[in-house]
Amino acid sequence: MSLQNWLDNKWIRKHQTPERTLAHYRTIQALPLILGKDREKDINYLDACRIKRNKVEYDYSGGSTHLEADELIKFTKELKTTVINWLWDNYPELLK
C-alpha cells in the first residue's frame, strides 16, 4: 500500500507548509538582495534561528537558552535600525 492510497482513503492528510512559514523564509532569503551582499551572514544566522525555532516548537522544549534569546533580540534591534535607514534612503514615503 502506498502513501497515495492512504491519502485517497483519508487515513492521512498531506502536510501543508503554512504560508507564514514561507513568508519568513522568503524574507530572510531576500535580505542580501535588498540590503546588499554584505548581509549574507545574516541569512545564515536567521535561517539557523528559524530552523531551531521549528525544531523546538514541534519536537522538544528547552532547546534554546536565555543567552541565545538575548543574542537574537540584540541582532533584530540592529537589523531593524538597518532596515529603517535603508527605507529612509530608498523609500522615505513608506515611513510617513
PDB file of N, CA and C in Angstrom:
ATOM      1  N   MET A   1       0.851  -1.171   0.000  1.00  0.00           N
ATOM      2  CA  MET A   1       0.000   0.000   0.000  1.00  0.00           C
ATOM      3  C   MET A   1       0.898   1.236   0.000  1.00  0.00           C
ATOM      4  N   SER A   2       0.575   2.191  -0.832  1.00  0.00           N
ATOM      5  CA  SER A   2       1.376   3.409  -0.948  1.00  0.00           C
ATOM      6  C   SER A   2       0.803   4.531  -0.086  1.00  0.00           C
ATOM      7  N   LEU A   3       1.602   5.574   0.080  1.00  0.00           N
ATOM      8  CA  LEU A   3       1.107   6.761   0.782  1.00  0.00           C
ATOM      9  C   LEU A   3      -0.070   7.379   0.041  1.00  0.00           C
ATOM     10  N   GLN A   4      -0.028   7.285  -1.287  1.00  0.00           N
ATOM     11  CA  GLN A   4      -1.145   7.830  -2.071  1.00  0.00           C
ATOM     12  C   GLN A   4      -2.446   7.121  -1.719  1.00  0.00           C
ATOM     13  N   ASN A   5      -2.378   5.788  -1.505  1.00  0.00           N
ATOM     14  CA  ASN A   5      -3.575   5.057  -1.078  1.00  0.00           C
ATOM     15  C   ASN A   5      -4.074   5.567   0.267  1.00  0.00           C
ATOM     16  N   TRP A   6      -3.161   5.836   1.166  1.00  0.00           N
ATOM     17  CA  TRP A   6      -3.535   6.355   2.480  1.00  0.00           C
ATOM     18  C   TRP A   6      -4.204   7.720   2.338  1.00  0.00           C
ATOM     19  N   LEU A   7      -3.627   8.560   1.450  1.00  0.00           N
ATOM     20  CA  LEU A   7      -4.234   9.872   1.183  1.00  0.00           C
ATOM     21  C   LEU A   7      -5.622   9.728   0.582  1.00  0.00           C
ATOM     22  N   ASP A   8      -5.735   8.835  -0.414  1.00  0.00           N
ATOM     23  CA  ASP A   8      -7.017   8.624  -1.086  1.00  0.00           C
ATOM     24  C   ASP A   8      -8.098   8.149  -0.126  1.00  0.00           C
ATOM     25  N   ASN A   9      -7.701   7.341   0.850  1.00  0.00           N
ATOM     26  CA  ASN A   9      -8.656   6.813   1.829  1.00  0.00           C
ATOM     27  C   ASN A   9      -8.875   7.755   3.009  1.00  0.00           C
ATOM     28  N   LYS A  10      -8.188   8.906   2.961  1.00  0.00           N
ATOM     29  CA  LYS A  10      -8.291   9.925   4.015  1.00  0.00           C
ATOM     30  C   LYS A  10      -7.830   9.402   5.377  1.00  0.00           C
ATOM     31  N   TRP A  11      -6.873   8.462   5.342  1.00  0.00           N
ATOM     32  CA  TRP A  11      -6.285   7.962   6.577  1.00  0.00           C
ATOM     33  C   TRP A  11      -5.183   8.893   7.062  1.00  0.00           C
ATOM     34  N   ILE A  12      -4.634   9.660   6.150  1.00  0.00           N
ATOM     35  CA  ILE A  12      -3.645  10.686   6.482  1.00  0.00           C
ATOM     36  C   ILE A  12      -3.953  11.920   5.658  1.00  0.00           C
ATOM     37  N   ARG A  13      -3.406  13.049   6.106  1.00  0.00           N
ATOM     38  CA  ARG A  13      -3.545  14.294   5.350  1.00  0.00           C
ATOM     39  C   ARG A  13      -2.176  14.713   4.846  1.00  0.00           C
ATOM     40  N   LYS A  14      -2.130  15.303   3.677  1.00  0.00           N
ATOM     41  CA  LYS A  14      -0.888  15.811   3.117  1.00  0.00           C
ATOM     42  C   LYS A  14      -0.445  17.020   3.932  1.00  0.00           C
ATOM     43  N   HIS A  15       0.839  17.039   4.266  1.00  0.00           N
ATOM     44  CA  HIS A  15       1.384  18.161   5.024  1.00  0.00           C
ATOM     45  C   HIS A  15       1.387  19.419   4.166  1.00  0.00           C
ATOM     46  N   GLN A  16       0.921  20.501   4.735  1.00  0.00           N
ATOM     47  CA  GLN A  16       0.914  21.783   4.045  1.00  0.00           C
ATOM     48  C   GLN A  16       1.750  22.750   4.851  1.00  0.00           C
ATOM     49  N   THR A  17       2.764  23.331   4.229  1.00  0.00           N
ATOM     50  CA  THR A  17       3.571  24.334   4.908  1.00  0.00           C
ATOM     51  C   THR A  17       2.753  25.609   5.015  1.00  0.00           C
ATOM     52  N   PRO A  18       2.583  26.117   6.236  1.00  0.00           N
ATOM     53  CA  PRO A  18       1.806  27.355   6.386  1.00  0.00           C
ATOM     54  C   PRO A  18       2.439  28.506   5.600  1.00  0.00           C
ATOM     55  N   GLU A  19       1.624  29.339   5.017  1.00  0.00           N
ATOM     56  CA  GLU A  19       2.108  30.468   4.224  1.00  0.00           C
ATOM     57  C   GLU A  19       2.986  31.395   5.051  1.00  0.00           C
ATOM     58  N   ARG A  20       2.689  31.547   6.334  1.00  0.00           N
ATOM     59  CA  ARG A  20       3.506  32.428   7.170  1.00  0.00           C
ATOM     60  C   ARG A  20       4.926  31.896   7.304  1.00  0.00           C
ATOM     61  N   THR A  21       5.095  30.561   7.321  1.00  0.00           N
ATOM     62  CA  THR A  21       6.430  29.974   7.376  1.00  0.00           C
ATOM     63  C   THR A  21       7.185  30.308   6.105  1.00  0.00           C
ATOM     64  N   LEU A  22       6.519  30.190   4.968  1.00  0.00           N
ATOM     65  CA  LEU A  22       7.159  30.542   3.704  1.00  0.00           C
ATOM     66  C   LEU A  22       7.487  32.026   3.656  1.00  0.00           C
ATOM     67  N   ALA A  23       6.633  32.840   4.223  1.00  0.00           N
ATOM     68  CA  ALA A  23       6.885  34.281   4.234  1.00  0.00           C
ATOM     69  C   ALA A  23       8.148  34.592   5.033  1.00  0.00           C
ATOM     70  N   HIS A  24       8.337  33.924   6.165  1.00  0.00           N
ATOM     71  CA  HIS A  24       9.556  34.129   6.964  1.00  0.00           C
ATOM     72  C   HIS A  24      10.783  33.715   6.161  1.00  0.00           C
ATOM     73  N   TYR A  25      10.699  32.569   5.528  1.00  0.00           N
ATOM     74  CA  TYR A  25      11.820  32.065   4.730  1.00  0.00           C
ATOM     75  C   TYR A  25      12.155  33.040   3.602  1.00  0.00           C
ATOM     76  N   ARG A  26      11.137  33.483   2.890  1.00  0.00           N
ATOM     77  CA  ARG A  26      11.354  34.403   1.760  1.00  0.00           C
ATOM     78  C   ARG A  26      11.958  35.732   2.223  1.00  0.00           C
ATOM     79  N   THR A  27      11.488  36.232   3.344  1.00  0.00           N
ATOM     80  CA  THR A  27      12.010  37.490   3.875  1.00  0.00           C
ATOM     81  C   THR A  27      13.487  37.351   4.211  1.00  0.00           C
ATOM     82  N   ILE A  28      13.831  36.274   4.877  1.00  0.00           N
ATOM     83  CA  ILE A  28      15.231  36.038   5.244  1.00  0.00           C
ATOM     84  C   ILE A  28      16.092  35.928   3.987  1.00  0.00           C
ATOM     85  N   GLN A  29      15.634  35.182   3.006  1.00  0.00           N
ATOM     86  CA  GLN A  29      16.413  34.976   1.787  1.00  0.00           C
ATOM     87  C   GLN A  29      16.554  36.263   0.959  1.00  0.00           C
ATOM     88  N   ALA A  30      15.639  37.188   1.113  1.00  0.00           N
ATOM     89  CA  ALA A  30      15.674  38.434   0.338  1.00  0.00           C
ATOM     90  C   ALA A  30      16.625  39.476   0.914  1.00  0.00           C
ATOM     91  N   LEU A  31      17.072  39.296   2.152  1.00  0.00           N
ATOM     92  CA  LEU A  31      17.914  40.319   2.789  1.00  0.00           C
ATOM     93  C   LEU A  31      19.099  40.768   1.942  1.00  0.00           C
ATOM     94  N   PRO A  32      19.939  39.871   1.435  1.00  0.00           N
ATOM     95  CA  PRO A  32      21.092  40.368   0.677  1.00  0.00           C
ATOM     96  C   PRO A  32      20.700  40.990  -0.663  1.00  0.00           C
ATOM     97  N   LEU A  33      19.554  40.597  -1.203  1.00  0.00           N
ATOM     98  CA  LEU A  33      19.097  41.195  -2.458  1.00  0.00           C
ATOM     99  C   LEU A  33      18.673  42.644  -2.243  1.00  0.00           C
ATOM    100  N   ILE A  34      18.156  42.919  -1.067  1.00  0.00           N
ATOM    101  CA  ILE A  34      17.665  44.255  -0.765  1.00  0.00           C
ATOM    102  C   ILE A  34      18.737  45.114  -0.101  1.00  0.00           C
ATOM    103  N   LEU A  35      19.375  44.565   0.925  1.00  0.00           N
ATOM    104  CA  LEU A  35      20.322  45.352   1.718  1.00  0.00           C
ATOM    105  C   LEU A  35      21.765  45.224   1.253  1.00  0.00           C
ATOM    106  N   GLY A  36      22.045  44.264   0.389  1.00  0.00           N
ATOM    107  CA  GLY A  36      23.397  44.099  -0.119  1.00  0.00           C
ATOM    108  C   GLY A  36      24.017  42.769   0.276  1.00  0.00           C
ATOM    109  N   LYS A  37      25.001  42.375  -0.516  1.00  0.00           N
ATOM    110  CA  LYS A  37      25.665  41.073  -0.331  1.00  0.00           C
ATOM    111  C   LYS A  37      26.362  40.952   1.020  1.00  0.00           C
ATOM    112  N   ASP A  38      26.729  42.074   1.617  1.00  0.00           N
ATOM    113  CA  ASP A  38      27.409  42.010   2.914  1.00  0.00           C
ATOM    114  C   ASP A  38      26.488  41.507   4.026  1.00  0.00           C
ATOM    115  N   ARG A  39      25.218  41.283   3.726  1.00  0.00           N
ATOM    116  CA  ARG A  39      24.261  40.773   4.727  1.00  0.00           C
ATOM    117  C   ARG A  39      24.082  39.251   4.625  1.00  0.00           C
ATOM    118  N   GLU A  40      24.895  38.569   3.820  1.00  0.00           N
ATOM    119  CA  GLU A  40      24.747  37.122   3.620  1.00  0.00           C
ATOM    120  C   GLU A  40      24.916  36.348   4.924  1.00  0.00           C
ATOM    121  N   LYS A  41      25.813  36.786   5.805  1.00  0.00           N
ATOM    122  CA  LYS A  41      25.986  36.095   7.087  1.00  0.00           C
ATOM    123  C   LYS A  41      24.710  36.184   7.917  1.00  0.00           C
ATOM    124  N   ASP A  42      23.992  37.277   7.738  1.00  0.00           N
ATOM    125  CA  ASP A  42      22.729  37.439   8.459  1.00  0.00           C
ATOM    126  C   ASP A  42      21.720  36.368   8.049  1.00  0.00           C
ATOM    127  N   ILE A  43      21.728  36.000   6.773  1.00  0.00           N
ATOM    128  CA  ILE A  43      20.828  34.944   6.297  1.00  0.00           C
ATOM    129  C   ILE A  43      21.119  33.656   7.040  1.00  0.00           C
ATOM    130  N   ASN A  44      22.397  33.298   7.093  1.00  0.00           N
ATOM    131  CA  ASN A  44      22.769  32.049   7.757  1.00  0.00           C
ATOM    132  C   ASN A  44      22.331  32.054   9.222  1.00  0.00           C
ATOM    133  N   TYR A  45      22.558  33.172   9.900  1.00  0.00           N
ATOM    134  CA  TYR A  45      22.188  33.278  11.307  1.00  0.00           C
ATOM    135  C   TYR A  45      20.671  33.182  11.490  1.00  0.00           C
ATOM    136  N   LEU A  46      19.930  33.978  10.728  1.00  0.00           N
ATOM    137  CA  LEU A  46      18.478  33.983  10.875  1.00  0.00           C
ATOM    138  C   LEU A  46      17.857  32.658  10.451  1.00  0.00           C
ATOM    139  N   ASP A  47      18.406  32.048   9.412  1.00  0.00           N
ATOM    140  CA  ASP A  47      17.883  30.765   8.962  1.00  0.00           C
ATOM    141  C   ASP A  47      18.151  29.687  10.013  1.00  0.00           C
ATOM    142  N   ALA A  48      19.321  29.729  10.632  1.00  0.00           N
ATOM    143  CA  ALA A  48      19.615  28.774  11.708  1.00  0.00           C
ATOM    144  C   ALA A  48      18.644  28.976  12.870  1.00  0.00           C
ATOM    145  N   CYS A  49      18.348  30.229  13.197  1.00  0.00           N
ATOM    146  CA  CYS A  49      17.378  30.520  14.259  1.00  0.00           C
ATOM    147  C   CYS A  49      15.988  30.016  13.880  1.00  0.00           C
ATOM    148  N   ARG A  50      15.607  30.215  12.626  1.00  0.00           N
ATOM    149  CA  ARG A  50      14.294  29.774  12.151  1.00  0.00           C
ATOM    150  C   ARG A  50      14.174  28.256  12.236  1.00  0.00           C
ATOM    151  N   ILE A  51      15.215  27.557  11.800  1.00  0.00           N
ATOM    152  CA  ILE A  51      15.200  26.091  11.834  1.00  0.00           C
ATOM    153  C   ILE A  51      15.141  25.599  13.278  1.00  0.00           C
ATOM    154  N   LYS A  52      15.937  26.210  14.133  1.00  0.00           N
ATOM    155  CA  LYS A  52      15.933  25.818  15.542  1.00  0.00           C
ATOM    156  C   LYS A  52      14.567  26.069  16.165  1.00  0.00           C
ATOM    157  N   ARG A  53      13.962  27.217  15.853  1.00  0.00           N
ATOM    158  CA  ARG A  53      12.626  27.516  16.383  1.00  0.00           C
ATOM    159  C   ARG A  53      11.630  26.438  15.958  1.00  0.00           C
ATOM    160  N   ASN A  54      11.696  26.026  14.694  1.00  0.00           N
ATOM    161  CA  ASN A  54      10.782  24.983  14.218  1.00  0.00           C
ATOM    162  C   ASN A  54      10.989  23.679  14.974  1.00  0.00           C
ATOM    163  N   LYS A  55      12.246  23.302  15.200  1.00  0.00           N
ATOM    164  CA  LYS A  55      12.519  22.060  15.927  1.00  0.00           C
ATOM    165  C   LYS A  55      12.037  22.159  17.367  1.00  0.00           C
ATOM    166  N   VAL A  56      12.324  23.272  18.016  1.00  0.00           N
ATOM    167  CA  VAL A  56      11.917  23.442  19.412  1.00  0.00           C
ATOM    168  C   VAL A  56      10.396  23.487  19.513  1.00  0.00           C
ATOM    169  N   GLU A  57       9.758  24.161  18.571  1.00  0.00           N
ATOM    170  CA  GLU A  57       8.303  24.302  18.613  1.00  0.00           C
ATOM    171  C   GLU A  57       7.600  22.967  18.409  1.00  0.00           C
ATOM    172  N   TYR A  58       8.143  22.116  17.527  1.00  0.00           N
ATOM    173  CA  TYR A  58       7.441  20.889  17.165  1.00  0.00           C
ATOM    174  C   TYR A  58       8.020  19.622  17.786  1.00  0.00           C
ATOM    175  N   ASP A  59       9.298  19.617  18.163  1.00  0.00           N
ATOM    176  CA  ASP A  59       9.928  18.372  18.583  1.00  0.00           C
ATOM    177  C   ASP A  59      10.233  18.282  20.076  1.00  0.00           C
ATOM    178  N   TYR A  60      10.694  19.357  20.670  1.00  0.00           N
ATOM    179  CA  TYR A  60      11.073  19.297  22.078  1.00  0.00           C
ATOM    180  C   TYR A  60      11.114  20.696  22.672  1.00  0.00           C
ATOM    181  N   SER A  61      11.146  20.740  23.997  1.00  0.00           N
ATOM    182  CA  SER A  61      11.210  22.042  24.658  1.00  0.00           C
ATOM    183  C   SER A  61      12.582  22.205  25.313  1.00  0.00           C
ATOM    184  N   GLY A  62      12.924  23.424  25.643  1.00  0.00           N
ATOM    185  CA  GLY A  62      14.185  23.698  26.316  1.00  0.00           C
ATOM    186  C   GLY A  62      15.386  23.713  25.399  1.00  0.00           C
ATOM    187  N   GLY A  63      15.170  23.848  24.110  1.00  0.00           N
ATOM    188  CA  GLY A  63      16.270  23.800  23.148  1.00  0.00           C
ATOM    189  C   GLY A  63      16.976  25.115  22.933  1.00  0.00           C
ATOM    190  N   SER A  64      16.466  26.174  23.516  1.00  0.00           N
ATOM    191  CA  SER A  64      17.083  27.494  23.371  1.00  0.00           C
ATOM    192  C   SER A  64      17.426  28.040  24.754  1.00  0.00           C
ATOM    193  N   THR A  65      18.513  28.788  24.797  1.00  0.00           N
ATOM    194  CA  THR A  65      18.941  29.364  26.071  1.00  0.00           C
ATOM    195  C   THR A  65      18.564  30.840  26.142  1.00  0.00           C
ATOM    196  N   HIS A  66      18.621  31.387  27.329  1.00  0.00           N
ATOM    197  CA  HIS A  66      18.379  32.824  27.505  1.00  0.00           C
ATOM    198  C   HIS A  66      19.446  33.629  26.760  1.00  0.00           C
ATOM    199  N   LEU A  67      20.672  33.131  26.761  1.00  0.00           N
ATOM    200  CA  LEU A  67      21.751  33.811  26.052  1.00  0.00           C
ATOM    201  C   LEU A  67      21.462  33.880  24.551  1.00  0.00           C
ATOM    202  N   GLU A  68      20.969  32.782  23.986  1.00  0.00           N
ATOM    203  CA  GLU A  68      20.614  32.782  22.561  1.00  0.00           C
ATOM    204  C   GLU A  68      19.471  33.752  22.287  1.00  0.00           C
ATOM    205  N   ALA A  69      18.501  33.790  23.174  1.00  0.00           N
ATOM    206  CA  ALA A  69      17.375  34.715  23.004  1.00  0.00           C
ATOM    207  C   ALA A  69      17.860  36.161  23.072  1.00  0.00           C
ATOM    208  N   ASP A  70      18.726  36.446  24.035  1.00  0.00           N
ATOM    209  CA  ASP A  70      19.265  37.807  24.158  1.00  0.00           C
ATOM    210  C   ASP A  70      20.070  38.196  22.919  1.00  0.00           C
ATOM    211  N   GLU A  71      20.844  37.241  22.396  1.00  0.00           N
ATOM    212  CA  GLU A  71      21.638  37.499  21.192  1.00  0.00           C
ATOM    213  C   GLU A  71      20.734  37.805  20.002  1.00  0.00           C
ATOM    214  N   LEU A  72      19.653  37.036  19.865  1.00  0.00           N
ATOM    215  CA  LEU A  72      18.723  37.256  18.753  1.00  0.00           C
ATOM    216  C   LEU A  72      18.005  38.594  18.896  1.00  0.00           C
ATOM    217  N   ILE A  73      17.629  38.961  20.101  1.00  0.00           N
ATOM    218  CA  ILE A  73      16.968  40.254  20.333  1.00  0.00           C
ATOM    219  C   ILE A  73      17.898  41.398  19.936  1.00  0.00           C
ATOM    220  N   LYS A  74      19.162  41.305  20.360  1.00  0.00           N
ATOM    221  CA  LYS A  74      20.135  42.337  20.008  1.00  0.00           C
ATOM    222  C   LYS A  74      20.297  42.416  18.485  1.00  0.00           C
ATOM    223  N   PHE A  75      20.414  41.262  17.847  1.00  0.00           N
ATOM    224  CA  PHE A  75      20.571  41.222  16.394  1.00  0.00           C
ATOM    225  C   PHE A  75      19.377  41.868  15.691  1.00  0.00           C
ATOM    226  N   THR A  76      18.167  41.521  16.130  1.00  0.00           N
ATOM    227  CA  THR A  76      16.985  42.058  15.447  1.00  0.00           C
ATOM    228  C   THR A  76      16.833  43.558  15.643  1.00  0.00           C
ATOM    229  N   LYS A  77      17.253  44.066  16.796  1.00  0.00           N
ATOM    230  CA  LYS A  77      17.212  45.521  17.006  1.00  0.00           C
ATOM    231  C   LYS A  77      18.165  46.227  16.038  1.00  0.00           C
ATOM    232  N   GLU A  78      19.365  45.651  15.866  1.00  0.00           N
ATOM    233  CA  GLU A  78      20.328  46.231  14.921  1.00  0.00           C
ATOM    234  C   GLU A  78      19.814  46.125  13.486  1.00  0.00           C
ATOM    235  N   LEU A  79      19.211  44.979  13.152  1.00  0.00           N
ATOM    236  CA  LEU A  79      18.670  44.795  11.803  1.00  0.00           C
ATOM    237  C   LEU A  79      17.530  45.776  11.547  1.00  0.00           C
ATOM    238  N   LYS A  80      16.690  45.987  12.542  1.00  0.00           N
ATOM    239  CA  LYS A  80      15.578  46.945  12.398  1.00  0.00           C
ATOM    240  C   LYS A  80      16.117  48.337  12.075  1.00  0.00           C
ATOM    241  N   THR A  81      17.154  48.749  12.772  1.00  0.00           N
ATOM    242  CA  THR A  81      17.770  50.052  12.505  1.00  0.00           C
ATOM    243  C   THR A  81      18.302  50.111  11.078  1.00  0.00           C
ATOM    244  N   THR A  82      18.953  49.049  10.647  1.00  0.00           N
ATOM    245  CA  THR A  82      19.487  48.987   9.286  1.00  0.00           C
ATOM    246  C   THR A  82      18.371  49.092   8.250  1.00  0.00           C
ATOM    247  N   VAL A  83      17.289  48.354   8.480  1.00  0.00           N
ATOM    248  CA  VAL A  83      16.168  48.360   7.532  1.00  0.00           C
ATOM    249  C   VAL A  83      15.505  49.737   7.489  1.00  0.00           C
ATOM    250  N   ILE A  84      15.299  50.348   8.631  1.00  0.00           N
ATOM    251  CA  ILE A  84      14.678  51.683   8.663  1.00  0.00           C
ATOM    252  C   ILE A  84      15.564  52.699   7.949  1.00  0.00           C
ATOM    253  N   ASN A  85      16.863  52.633   8.174  1.00  0.00           N
ATOM    254  CA  ASN A  85      17.783  53.539   7.467  1.00  0.00           C
ATOM    255  C   ASN A  85      17.735  53.303   5.959  1.00  0.00           C
ATOM    256  N   TRP A  86      17.663  52.041   5.552  1.00  0.00           N
ATOM    257  CA  TRP A  86      17.579  51.716   4.127  1.00  0.00           C
ATOM    258  C   TRP A  86      16.286  52.277   3.543  1.00  0.00           C
ATOM    259  N   LEU A  87      15.192  52.129   4.283  1.00  0.00           N
ATOM    260  CA  LEU A  87      13.921  52.671   3.808  1.00  0.00           C
ATOM    261  C   LEU A  87      13.988  54.191   3.682  1.00  0.00           C
ATOM    262  N   TRP A  88      14.567  54.886   4.666  1.00  0.00           N
ATOM    263  CA  TRP A  88      14.700  56.346   4.587  1.00  0.00           C
ATOM    264  C   TRP A  88      15.494  56.744   3.352  1.00  0.00           C
ATOM    265  N   ASP A  89      16.535  55.987   3.039  1.00  0.00           N
ATOM    266  CA  ASP A  89      17.370  56.305   1.889  1.00  0.00           C
ATOM    267  C   ASP A  89      16.705  55.987   0.563  1.00  0.00           C
ATOM    268  N   ASN A  90      15.857  54.968   0.519  1.00  0.00           N
ATOM    269  CA  ASN A  90      15.309  54.486  -0.743  1.00  0.00           C
ATOM    270  C   ASN A  90      13.814  54.726  -0.935  1.00  0.00           C
ATOM    271  N   TYR A  91      13.044  54.645   0.129  1.00  0.00           N
ATOM    272  CA  TYR A  91      11.595  54.790   0.032  1.00  0.00           C
ATOM    273  C   TYR A  91      11.046  55.547   1.235  1.00  0.00           C
ATOM    274  N   PRO A  92      11.432  56.788   1.430  1.00  0.00           N
ATOM    275  CA  PRO A  92      11.012  57.530   2.623  1.00  0.00           C
ATOM    276  C   PRO A  92       9.485  57.669   2.731  1.00  0.00           C
ATOM    277  N   GLU A  93       8.801  57.638   1.613  1.00  0.00           N
ATOM    278  CA  GLU A  93       7.342  57.774   1.661  1.00  0.00           C
ATOM    279  C   GLU A  93       6.675  56.610   2.402  1.00  0.00           C
ATOM    280  N   LEU A  94       7.346  55.480   2.494  1.00  0.00           N
ATOM    281  CA  LEU A  94       6.789  54.347   3.223  1.00  0.00           C
ATOM    282  C   LEU A  94       6.843  54.514   4.733  1.00  0.00           C
ATOM    283  N   LEU A  95       7.633  55.467   5.182  1.00  0.00           N
ATOM    284  CA  LEU A  95       7.801  55.661   6.624  1.00  0.00           C
ATOM    285  C   LEU A  95       6.960  56.817   7.166  1.00  0.00           C
ATOM    286  N   LYS A  96       6.156  57.413   6.338  1.00  0.00           N
ATOM    287  CA  LYS A  96       5.335  58.554   6.771  1.00  0.00           C
ATOM    288  C   LYS A  96       3.963  58.116   7.179  1.00  0.00           C
TER     289      LYS A  96
END
